[in-house]
Amino acid sequence: MKNLLLMPIQQKRQFFISELIKVGVFKKEDKHLYELTLNDLEEEYHKQMA
């Protein structure tokens, strides 16, 4: 994983969205990934990578 502390917020969001799509996640509950907050994306990313 890249050093996320140095990345601007939009780049972080795009990173998490791209990584989630790579593992087959396109939605969380009834929301598309692009509708989620950065915190929601990060939580889902860590959940999927565990």
PDB file of N, CA and C in Angstrom:
ATOM      1  N   MET A   1       0.842  -1.179   0.000  1.00  0.00           N
ATOM      2  CA  MET A   1       0.000   0.000   0.000  1.00  0.00           C
ATOM      3  C   MET A   1       0.886   1.241   0.000  1.00  0.00           C
ATOM      4  N   LYS A   2       0.469   2.238  -0.720  1.00  0.00           N
ATOM      5  CA  LYS A   2       1.214   3.491  -0.805  1.00  0.00           C
ATOM      6  C   LYS A   2       1.164   4.225   0.528  1.00  0.00           C
ATOM      7  N   ASN A   3       2.031   5.228   0.699  1.00  0.00           N
ATOM      8  CA  ASN A   3       2.000   6.062   1.892  1.00  0.00           C
ATOM      9  C   ASN A   3       0.804   6.998   1.783  1.00  0.00           C
ATOM     10  N   LEU A   4      -0.296   6.619   2.428  1.00  0.00           N
ATOM     11  CA  LEU A   4      -1.546   7.348   2.274  1.00  0.00           C
ATOM     12  C   LEU A   4      -1.556   8.682   3.000  1.00  0.00           C
ATOM     13  N   LEU A   5      -0.648   8.888   3.939  1.00  0.00           N
ATOM     14  CA  LEU A   5      -0.625  10.150   4.671  1.00  0.00           C
ATOM     15  C   LEU A   5      -0.260  11.331   3.781  1.00  0.00           C
ATOM     16  N   LEU A   6       0.486  11.074   2.738  1.00  0.00           N
ATOM     17  CA  LEU A   6       0.954  12.149   1.871  1.00  0.00           C
ATOM     18  C   LEU A   6       0.044  12.404   0.675  1.00  0.00           C
ATOM     19  N   MET A   7      -0.971  11.595   0.508  1.00  0.00           N
ATOM     20  CA  MET A   7      -1.841  11.720  -0.652  1.00  0.00           C
ATOM     21  C   MET A   7      -3.007  12.671  -0.362  1.00  0.00           C
ATOM     22  N   PRO A   8      -3.342  13.556  -1.300  1.00  0.00           N
ATOM     23  CA  PRO A   8      -4.536  14.390  -1.134  1.00  0.00           C
ATOM     24  C   PRO A   8      -5.802  13.526  -1.056  1.00  0.00           C
ATOM     25  N   ILE A   9      -6.844  14.083  -0.510  1.00  0.00           N
ATOM     26  CA  ILE A   9      -8.076  13.331  -0.243  1.00  0.00           C
ATOM     27  C   ILE A   9      -8.645  12.683  -1.500  1.00  0.00           C
ATOM     28  N   GLN A  10      -8.737  13.408  -2.600  1.00  0.00           N
ATOM     29  CA  GLN A  10      -9.304  12.829  -3.820  1.00  0.00           C
ATOM     30  C   GLN A  10      -8.468  11.656  -4.324  1.00  0.00           C
ATOM     31  N   GLN A  11      -7.161  11.750  -4.204  1.00  0.00           N
ATOM     32  CA  GLN A  11      -6.298  10.639  -4.620  1.00  0.00           C
ATOM     33  C   GLN A  11      -6.501   9.439  -3.706  1.00  0.00           C
ATOM     34  N   LYS A  12      -6.683   9.675  -2.421  1.00  0.00           N
ATOM     35  CA  LYS A  12      -6.951   8.576  -1.489  1.00  0.00           C
ATOM     36  C   LYS A  12      -8.258   7.892  -1.854  1.00  0.00           C
ATOM     37  N   ARG A  13      -9.299   8.681  -2.112  1.00  0.00           N
ATOM     38  CA  ARG A  13     -10.594   8.105  -2.488  1.00  0.00           C
ATOM     39  C   ARG A  13     -10.445   7.254  -3.745  1.00  0.00           C
ATOM     40  N   GLN A  14      -9.744   7.786  -4.748  1.00  0.00           N
ATOM     41  CA  GLN A  14      -9.564   7.056  -6.000  1.00  0.00           C
ATOM     42  C   GLN A  14      -8.754   5.781  -5.785  1.00  0.00           C
ATOM     43  N   PHE A  15      -7.744   5.847  -4.924  1.00  0.00           N
ATOM     44  CA  PHE A  15      -6.944   4.666  -4.605  1.00  0.00           C
ATOM     45  C   PHE A  15      -7.828   3.568  -4.016  1.00  0.00           C
ATOM     46  N   PHE A  16      -8.627   3.908  -3.001  1.00  0.00           N
ATOM     47  CA  PHE A  16      -9.479   2.911  -2.359  1.00  0.00           C
ATOM     48  C   PHE A  16     -10.527   2.368  -3.328  1.00  0.00           C
ATOM     49  N   ILE A  17     -11.124   3.235  -4.138  1.00  0.00           N
ATOM     50  CA  ILE A  17     -12.111   2.783  -5.117  1.00  0.00           C
ATOM     51  C   ILE A  17     -11.466   1.813  -6.105  1.00  0.00           C
ATOM     52  N   SER A  18     -10.313   2.151  -6.625  1.00  0.00           N
ATOM     53  CA  SER A  18      -9.619   1.279  -7.584  1.00  0.00           C
ATOM     54  C   SER A  18      -9.269  -0.067  -6.972  1.00  0.00           C
ATOM     55  N   GLU A  19      -8.759  -0.042  -5.751  1.00  0.00           N
ATOM     56  CA  GLU A  19      -8.380  -1.291  -5.088  1.00  0.00           C
ATOM     57  C   GLU A  19      -9.602  -2.156  -4.790  1.00  0.00           C
ATOM     58  N   LEU A  20     -10.700  -1.552  -4.393  1.00  0.00           N
ATOM     59  CA  LEU A  20     -11.921  -2.311  -4.119  1.00  0.00           C
ATOM     60  C   LEU A  20     -12.478  -2.920  -5.402  1.00  0.00           C
ATOM     61  N   ILE A  21     -12.444  -2.182  -6.486  1.00  0.00           N
ATOM     62  CA  ILE A  21     -12.909  -2.713  -7.766  1.00  0.00           C
ATOM     63  C   ILE A  21     -12.052  -3.902  -8.193  1.00  0.00           C
ATOM     64  N   LYS A  22     -10.749  -3.836  -7.948  1.00  0.00           N
ATOM     65  CA  LYS A  22      -9.849  -4.946  -8.300  1.00  0.00           C
ATOM     66  C   LYS A  22     -10.243  -6.247  -7.619  1.00  0.00           C
ATOM     67  N   VAL A  23     -10.804  -6.155  -6.400  1.00  0.00           N
ATOM     68  CA  VAL A  23     -11.199  -7.372  -5.680  1.00  0.00           C
ATOM     69  C   VAL A  23     -12.693  -7.663  -5.836  1.00  0.00           C
ATOM     70  N   GLY A  24     -13.359  -6.948  -6.758  1.00  0.00           N
ATOM     71  CA  GLY A  24     -14.743  -7.255  -7.089  1.00  0.00           C
ATOM     72  C   GLY A  24     -15.798  -6.545  -6.267  1.00  0.00           C
ATOM     73  N   VAL A  25     -15.426  -5.495  -5.557  1.00  0.00           N
ATOM     74  CA  VAL A  25     -16.403  -4.730  -4.779  1.00  0.00           C
ATOM     75  C   VAL A  25     -16.800  -3.507  -5.601  1.00  0.00           C
ATOM     76  N   PHE A  26     -18.102  -3.395  -5.894  1.00  0.00           N
ATOM     77  CA  PHE A  26     -18.596  -2.278  -6.689  1.00  0.00           C
ATOM     78  C   PHE A  26     -19.587  -1.417  -5.924  1.00  0.00           C
ATOM     79  N   LYS A  27     -20.187  -1.996  -4.878  1.00  0.00           N
ATOM     80  CA  LYS A  27     -21.168  -1.291  -4.059  1.00  0.00           C
ATOM     81  C   LYS A  27     -20.995  -1.703  -2.610  1.00  0.00           C
ATOM     82  N   LYS A  28     -21.437  -0.835  -1.711  1.00  0.00           N
ATOM     83  CA  LYS A  28     -21.537  -1.181  -0.298  1.00  0.00           C
ATOM     84  C   LYS A  28     -22.975  -0.906   0.082  1.00  0.00           C
ATOM     85  N   GLU A  29     -23.667  -1.964   0.464  1.00  0.00           N
ATOM     86  CA  GLU A  29     -25.101  -1.895   0.711  1.00  0.00           C
ATOM     87  C   GLU A  29     -25.775  -1.377  -0.554  1.00  0.00           C
ATOM     88  N   ASP A  30     -26.424  -0.240  -0.519  1.00  0.00           N
ATOM     89  CA  ASP A  30     -27.118   0.250  -1.716  1.00  0.00           C
ATOM     90  C   ASP A  30     -26.415   1.432  -2.369  1.00  0.00           C
ATOM     91  N   LYS A  31     -25.170   1.686  -1.987  1.00  0.00           N
ATOM     92  CA  LYS A  31     -24.433   2.839  -2.520  1.00  0.00           C
ATOM     93  C   LYS A  31     -23.267   2.388  -3.392  1.00  0.00           C
ATOM     94  N   HIS A  32     -23.080   3.093  -4.496  1.00  0.00           N
ATOM     95  CA  HIS A  32     -21.897   2.878  -5.323  1.00  0.00           C
ATOM     96  C   HIS A  32     -20.684   3.422  -4.590  1.00  0.00           C
ATOM     97  N   LEU A  33     -19.504   2.909  -4.925  1.00  0.00           N
ATOM     98  CA  LEU A  33     -18.287   3.320  -4.230  1.00  0.00           C
ATOM     99  C   LEU A  33     -18.059   4.823  -4.298  1.00  0.00           C
ATOM    100  N   TYR A  34     -18.340   5.437  -5.431  1.00  0.00           N
ATOM    101  CA  TYR A  34     -18.086   6.876  -5.559  1.00  0.00           C
ATOM    102  C   TYR A  34     -18.996   7.726  -4.666  1.00  0.00           C
ATOM    103  N   GLU A  35     -20.062   7.112  -4.122  1.00  0.00           N
ATOM    104  CA  GLU A  35     -20.966   7.824  -3.222  1.00  0.00           C
ATOM    105  C   GLU A  35     -20.521   7.748  -1.764  1.00  0.00           C
ATOM    106  N   LEU A  36     -19.555   6.898  -1.465  1.00  0.00           N
ATOM    107  CA  LEU A  36     -19.118   6.692  -0.086  1.00  0.00           C
ATOM    108  C   LEU A  36     -18.123   7.761   0.350  1.00  0.00           C
ATOM    109  N   THR A  37     -18.068   7.972   1.657  1.00  0.00           N
ATOM    110  CA  THR A  37     -17.078   8.896   2.214  1.00  0.00           C
ATOM    111  C   THR A  37     -15.707   8.228   2.207  1.00  0.00           C
ATOM    112  N   LEU A  38     -14.689   9.031   2.401  1.00  0.00           N
ATOM    113  CA  LEU A  38     -13.333   8.495   2.493  1.00  0.00           C
ATOM    114  C   LEU A  38     -13.238   7.487   3.630  1.00  0.00           C
ATOM    115  N   ASN A  39     -13.837   7.793   4.769  1.00  0.00           N
ATOM    116  CA  ASN A  39     -13.800   6.859   5.902  1.00  0.00           C
ATOM    117  C   ASN A  39     -14.480   5.543   5.566  1.00  0.00           C
ATOM    118  N   ASP A  40     -15.638   5.598   4.904  1.00  0.00           N
ATOM    119  CA  ASP A  40     -16.339   4.376   4.512  1.00  0.00           C
ATOM    120  C   ASP A  40     -15.503   3.549   3.537  1.00  0.00           C
ATOM    121  N   LEU A  41     -14.880   4.217   2.583  1.00  0.00           N
ATOM    122  CA  LEU A  41     -14.031   3.511   1.619  1.00  0.00           C
ATOM    123  C   LEU A  41     -12.851   2.842   2.312  1.00  0.00           C
ATOM    124  N   GLU A  42     -12.229   3.565   3.231  1.00  0.00           N
ATOM    125  CA  GLU A  42     -11.075   3.020   3.943  1.00  0.00           C
ATOM    126  C   GLU A  42     -11.474   1.826   4.799  1.00  0.00           C
ATOM    127  N   GLU A  43     -12.612   1.906   5.482  1.00  0.00           N
ATOM    128  CA  GLU A  43     -13.102   0.779   6.290  1.00  0.00           C
ATOM    129  C   GLU A  43     -13.370  -0.436   5.416  1.00  0.00           C
ATOM    130  N   GLU A  44     -14.039  -0.238   4.296  1.00  0.00           N
ATOM    131  CA  GLU A  44     -14.349  -1.346   3.394  1.00  0.00           C
ATOM    132  C   GLU A  44     -13.071  -1.943   2.814  1.00  0.00           C
ATOM    133  N   TYR A  45     -12.109  -1.115   2.482  1.00  0.00           N
ATOM    134  CA  TYR A  45     -10.824  -1.583   1.963  1.00  0.00           C
ATOM    135  C   TYR A  45     -10.140  -2.496   2.977  1.00  0.00           C
ATOM    136  N   HIS A  46     -10.047  -2.047   4.217  1.00  0.00           N
ATOM    137  CA  HIS A  46      -9.380  -2.852   5.244  1.00  0.00           C
ATOM    138  C   HIS A  46     -10.158  -4.132   5.539  1.00  0.00           C
ATOM    139  N   LYS A  47     -11.468  -4.061   5.482  1.00  0.00           N
ATOM    140  CA  LYS A  47     -12.308  -5.251   5.675  1.00  0.00           C
ATOM    141  C   LYS A  47     -12.042  -6.278   4.570  1.00  0.00           C
ATOM    142  N   GLN A  48     -11.960  -5.821   3.333  1.00  0.00           N
ATOM    143  CA  GLN A  48     -11.735  -6.721   2.204  1.00  0.00           C
ATOM    144  C   GLN A  48     -10.317  -7.290   2.181  1.00  0.00           C
ATOM    145  N   MET A  49      -9.357  -6.532   2.652  1.00  0.00           N
ATOM    146  CA  MET A  49      -7.964  -6.963   2.608  1.00  0.00           C
ATOM    147  C   MET A  49      -7.571  -7.823   3.807  1.00  0.00           C
ATOM    148  N   ALA A  50      -8.457  -7.940   4.779  1.00  0.00           N
ATOM    149  CA  ALA A  50      -8.151  -8.739   5.989  1.00  0.00           C
ATOM    150  C   ALA A  50      -8.198 -10.223   5.697  1.00  0.00           C
TER     151      ALA A  50
END
